[in-house]
C-alpha cells in the first residue's frame, strides 16, 4: 500500500515540544517478574501504557510518535515469549481501531514486517488501512526494526534505482528509509533504567535528545510523557552550531 504523505497534522502544543518522539518501551518483563507474574503479563500491561501515552501525545499536539515494539534482535528471546508477542499483534492491534479513531491516530509500521507470521501481517495491513484517513498524529510501530537493518534495506532500495556510477548521498539513504516522510526523531525516551539505543532508529537519531527513566514501562502514563516533553523544552539544540 502506498503510504504517501500525512496531511493536516495538528500543530504541536508548544513550539518547544518535540515534533517526533521515539519511545523504547523497556521493563515489561521486569514489571511482571516483580509481581510474580509471567513476563507476558508485563507485555499486556505495556499495551495499556502505550494507549495512555498516545492519548496524551494527541492532547499535547505531538504529531509523530514511534514505539519500539519488537527489534530484529528480539527473535533471540524465548520462543514462548516471541509467540505471545506475535499473537498480541495479531489479536490486539486491529481491535484498537476505535481507540485510534478517538485520538485521531494514523498507524503505520516501521521495519521489515514481511518476516512476521501471516496473522500479524494481516492485522498490520488491516490497521493501516482502517486508520489511513486519520490525521491528528501518526503512530509508527517499529516491528522487526533495527537501525542497522533499516539502513541496509535503504541502500538496497537505492541500488535498484541507481543511475550509472552516481555515488550514494545522505539524501539517497534518508529518502529510502522506512516511512521517510516522517521527520527525524527529536526526543528518544527509554523507560526501565537502561541507557542505550539498542539499535533504534540509528539514522534518524543523529541529533535526537535522550531521556532515560527508571520507571518501568507499564507504569507510564500522561504525567511521565508531559514531564519528558517539559524537560526537552528546556534544552538548547544547536545541531553542531553555536548559540546565536
Protein backbone atom coordinates (compact mmCIF):
# COMPACT_ATOMS: atom_id res chain seq x y z
CA UNK A 1 0.00 0.00 0.00
CA UNK A 2 1.41 3.40 -0.93
CA UNK A 3 1.82 5.42 2.23
CA UNK A 4 2.14 8.88 0.77
CA UNK A 5 2.38 11.94 2.99
CA UNK A 6 0.29 12.77 6.00
CA UNK A 7 -1.77 15.91 5.66
CA UNK A 8 -3.40 18.18 8.23
CA UNK A 9 -1.25 17.03 11.13
CA UNK A 10 -2.23 19.07 14.16
CA UNK A 11 0.24 21.75 15.29
CA UNK A 12 2.49 20.93 18.22
CA UNK A 13 1.03 22.06 21.55
CA UNK A 14 4.03 24.28 22.17
CA UNK A 15 6.78 25.24 19.73
CA UNK A 16 9.33 24.00 22.26
CA UNK A 17 7.89 20.49 22.41
CA UNK A 18 9.26 17.73 20.16
CA UNK A 19 7.55 17.06 16.84
CA UNK A 20 8.65 13.42 16.83
CA UNK A 21 9.05 11.32 19.98
CA UNK A 22 10.55 7.84 19.87
CA UNK A 23 9.94 5.53 22.81
CA UNK A 24 11.92 2.45 23.81
CA UNK A 25 9.38 0.63 25.95
CA UNK A 26 11.63 -1.19 28.39
CA UNK A 27 10.78 -3.04 31.59
CA UNK A 28 7.66 -5.06 30.77
CA UNK A 29 9.23 -8.35 31.78
CA UNK A 30 10.78 -6.96 34.95
CA UNK A 31 7.48 -5.33 35.91
CA UNK A 32 5.76 -8.71 35.70
CA UNK A 33 8.56 -10.63 37.47
CA UNK A 34 8.46 -8.21 40.42
CA UNK A 35 4.79 -9.11 40.84
CA UNK A 36 5.25 -12.85 40.49
CA UNK A 37 3.57 -12.82 37.07
CA UNK A 38 4.71 -14.33 33.77
CA UNK A 39 6.65 -11.93 31.53
CA UNK A 40 3.78 -12.00 29.06
CA UNK A 41 1.59 -10.20 31.63
CA UNK A 42 4.02 -7.30 31.51
CA UNK A 43 3.68 -7.02 27.74
CA UNK A 44 -0.10 -6.94 28.08
CA UNK A 45 0.15 -4.10 30.61
CA UNK A 46 2.63 -2.38 28.32
CA UNK A 47 -0.08 -2.09 25.66
CA UNK A 48 -2.22 -0.19 28.16
CA UNK A 49 0.67 2.16 28.89
CA UNK A 50 1.12 2.84 25.17
CA UNK A 51 -2.54 3.81 24.92
CA UNK A 52 -2.14 6.26 27.80
CA UNK A 53 0.93 7.80 26.18
CA UNK A 54 -0.75 8.01 22.77
CA UNK A 55 -3.75 9.75 24.31
CA UNK A 56 -1.50 12.32 25.99
CA UNK A 57 0.55 12.84 22.82
CA UNK A 58 -2.68 13.58 20.96
CA UNK A 59 -3.70 16.04 23.68
CA UNK A 60 -0.31 17.78 23.60
CA UNK A 61 -0.39 18.05 19.81
CA UNK A 62 2.72 15.94 19.19
CA UNK A 63 2.35 14.89 15.53
CA UNK A 64 4.68 11.87 15.36
CA UNK A 65 5.15 9.07 17.86
CA UNK A 66 7.26 5.95 17.27
CA UNK A 67 7.15 2.94 19.60
CA UNK A 68 9.95 0.35 19.61
CA UNK A 69 7.72 -2.73 19.71
CA UNK A 70 9.93 -5.60 18.52
CA UNK A 71 13.55 -5.42 17.41
CA UNK A 72 15.46 -7.52 14.91
CA UNK A 73 17.30 -8.93 17.94
CA UNK A 74 14.17 -9.84 19.88
CA UNK A 75 13.86 -13.08 17.91
CA UNK A 76 16.54 -14.37 20.33
CA UNK A 77 14.05 -14.29 23.23
CA UNK A 78 12.37 -17.49 24.48
CA UNK A 79 10.06 -18.87 21.80
CA UNK A 80 7.07 -18.75 24.15
CA UNK A 81 7.55 -15.01 24.64
CA UNK A 82 8.06 -14.36 20.91
CA UNK A 83 4.90 -16.34 20.10
CA UNK A 84 2.95 -14.35 22.67
CA UNK A 85 4.11 -11.04 21.21
CA UNK A 86 3.21 -12.12 17.67
CA UNK A 87 -0.21 -13.26 18.90
CA UNK A 88 -0.66 -9.95 20.73
CA UNK A 89 -0.08 -8.13 17.45
CA UNK A 90 -2.45 -10.43 15.59
CA UNK A 91 -5.29 -10.19 18.12
CA UNK A 92 -4.92 -6.76 19.74
CA UNK A 93 -3.68 -4.34 17.09
CA UNK A 94 -6.76 -4.17 14.89
CA UNK A 95 -9.13 -4.43 17.88
CA UNK A 96 -7.92 -0.98 18.97
CA UNK A 97 -9.14 0.78 15.80
CA UNK A 98 -11.88 2.60 17.73
CA UNK A 99 -9.22 3.94 20.11
CA UNK A 100 -7.07 5.15 17.22
CA UNK A 101 -10.06 6.93 15.72
CA UNK A 102 -10.89 8.54 19.05
CA UNK A 103 -7.43 10.09 19.36
CA UNK A 104 -7.02 10.67 15.60
CA UNK A 105 -4.00 8.38 15.20
CA UNK A 106 -2.89 7.00 11.87
CA UNK A 107 -0.99 3.76 12.49
CA UNK A 108 1.99 2.83 10.32
CA UNK A 109 4.71 0.19 10.61
CA UNK A 110 8.44 0.81 10.57
CA UNK A 111 10.51 -2.31 9.99
CA UNK A 112 10.60 -5.47 7.91
CA UNK A 113 7.19 -6.83 8.82
CA UNK A 114 7.24 -9.28 5.92
CA UNK A 115 9.09 -11.64 8.27
CA UNK A 116 6.17 -11.77 10.70
CA UNK A 117 3.59 -14.55 10.62
CA UNK A 118 0.51 -14.24 8.42
CA UNK A 119 -1.87 -13.31 11.23
CA UNK A 120 0.34 -10.47 12.46
CA UNK A 121 0.89 -9.17 8.90
CA UNK A 122 -2.84 -9.26 8.18
CA UNK A 123 -3.59 -7.31 11.37
CA UNK A 124 -0.95 -4.72 10.47
CA UNK A 125 -2.28 -4.21 6.95
CA UNK A 126 -5.89 -4.01 8.16
CA UNK A 127 -4.99 -1.47 10.85
CA UNK A 128 -3.03 0.71 8.44
CA UNK A 129 -5.94 0.73 6.02
CA UNK A 130 -8.55 1.43 8.73
CA UNK A 131 -6.62 4.45 10.06
CA UNK A 132 -5.32 5.83 6.76
CA UNK A 133 -7.53 8.95 6.88
CA UNK A 134 -6.78 9.93 10.49
CA UNK A 135 -4.54 12.98 10.73
CA UNK A 136 -4.11 14.29 14.26
CA UNK A 137 -0.94 12.23 14.82
CA UNK A 138 1.00 9.39 13.25
CA UNK A 139 1.80 6.43 15.48
CA UNK A 140 4.51 4.32 13.90
CA UNK A 141 5.18 0.93 15.40
CA UNK A 142 8.75 -0.28 14.97
CA UNK A 143 8.22 -4.02 14.49
CA UNK A 144 11.11 -6.26 13.43
CA UNK A 145 13.01 -2.99 13.34
CA UNK A 146 16.74 -2.48 13.72
CA UNK A 147 18.70 0.63 12.85
CA UNK A 148 21.37 -1.36 11.03
CA UNK A 149 18.80 -3.37 9.10
CA UNK A 150 16.87 -0.24 8.09
CA UNK A 151 19.98 1.42 6.67
CA UNK A 152 20.98 -1.73 4.78
CA UNK A 153 17.48 -2.03 3.28
CA UNK A 154 17.56 1.66 2.37
CA UNK A 155 20.82 1.21 0.44
CA UNK A 156 19.48 -1.89 -1.30
CA UNK A 157 16.40 0.09 -2.39
CA UNK A 158 18.66 2.80 -3.78
CA UNK A 159 20.82 0.27 -5.63
CA UNK A 160 17.75 -0.90 -7.52
CA UNK A 161 17.27 2.62 -8.92
CA UNK A 162 20.93 3.61 -9.24
CA UNK A 163 21.79 5.56 -12.37
CA UNK A 164 25.28 4.82 -13.69
CA UNK A 165 28.16 5.46 -11.31
CA UNK A 166 26.40 8.11 -9.25
CA UNK A 167 27.67 7.82 -5.63
CA UNK A 168 25.14 7.44 -2.87
CA UNK A 169 24.38 10.54 -0.78
CA UNK A 170 22.85 11.16 2.64
CA UNK A 171 19.69 12.28 0.86
CA UNK A 172 19.55 8.99 -1.03
CA UNK A 173 19.72 6.99 2.18
CA UNK A 174 17.24 9.22 4.01
CA UNK A 175 14.70 9.09 1.19
CA UNK A 176 14.82 5.29 1.14
CA UNK A 177 14.36 4.71 4.87
CA UNK A 178 11.11 3.27 6.17
CA UNK A 179 8.43 6.00 6.42
CA UNK A 180 10.91 8.51 5.03
CA UNK A 181 8.31 11.30 5.03
CA UNK A 182 8.34 11.32 8.85
CA UNK A 183 10.93 13.81 10.14
CA UNK A 184 13.94 12.64 12.18
CA UNK A 185 13.21 11.92 15.82
CA UNK A 186 13.62 14.88 18.22
CA UNK A 187 13.36 13.08 21.55
CA UNK A 188 14.04 9.44 22.39
CA UNK A 189 12.63 8.25 25.71
CA UNK A 190 13.69 4.98 27.30
CA UNK A 191 11.93 3.55 30.32
CA UNK A 192 13.22 0.90 32.70
CA UNK A 193 16.56 2.33 33.76
CA UNK A 194 18.77 1.22 30.84
CA UNK A 195 20.77 3.87 28.98
CA UNK A 196 21.33 2.72 25.42
CA UNK A 197 19.72 2.96 21.98
CA UNK A 198 19.54 -0.79 21.34
CA UNK A 199 19.72 -0.34 17.55
CA UNK A 200 16.69 2.00 17.45
CA UNK A 201 16.32 4.44 14.54
CA UNK A 202 20.07 4.92 14.21
CA UNK A 203 19.96 7.18 11.14
CA UNK A 204 17.14 9.42 12.33
CA UNK A 205 18.52 9.63 15.88
CA UNK A 206 21.62 11.57 14.78
CA UNK A 207 20.57 14.74 16.62
CA UNK A 208 17.92 13.37 18.94
CA UNK A 209 17.80 14.37 22.58
CA UNK A 210 17.78 11.44 25.03
CA UNK A 211 15.78 10.94 28.20
CA UNK A 212 16.27 7.87 30.40
CA UNK A 213 13.94 7.00 33.26
CA UNK A 214 13.91 4.26 35.89
CA UNK A 215 10.12 3.88 35.78
CA UNK A 216 9.20 0.55 34.15
CA UNK A 217 7.10 0.88 31.02
CA UNK A 218 3.77 -0.49 32.34
CA UNK A 219 3.78 2.29 34.97
CA UNK A 220 4.00 5.09 32.41
CA UNK A 221 1.17 7.50 31.75
CA UNK A 222 0.31 11.08 30.81
CA UNK A 223 2.33 12.61 33.65
CA UNK A 224 5.54 10.88 32.57
CA UNK A 225 5.23 11.94 28.92
CA UNK A 226 4.40 15.53 29.86
CA UNK A 227 7.41 15.65 32.20
CA UNK A 228 9.74 14.34 29.47
CA UNK A 229 8.45 16.93 26.99
CA UNK A 230 8.81 19.71 29.56
CA UNK A 231 12.42 18.65 30.11
CA UNK A 232 13.01 18.63 26.35
CA UNK A 233 11.64 22.17 26.10
CA UNK A 234 14.42 23.41 28.40
CA UNK A 235 17.24 22.03 26.27
CA UNK A 236 19.26 24.02 23.74
CA UNK A 237 19.54 22.21 20.40
CA UNK A 238 22.45 23.54 18.32
CA UNK A 239 22.79 20.81 15.65
CA UNK A 240 26.58 21.25 15.61
CA UNK A 241 26.44 25.03 15.65
CA UNK A 242 26.65 27.58 18.45
CA UNK A 243 24.14 29.86 20.15
CA UNK A 244 23.40 32.98 18.14
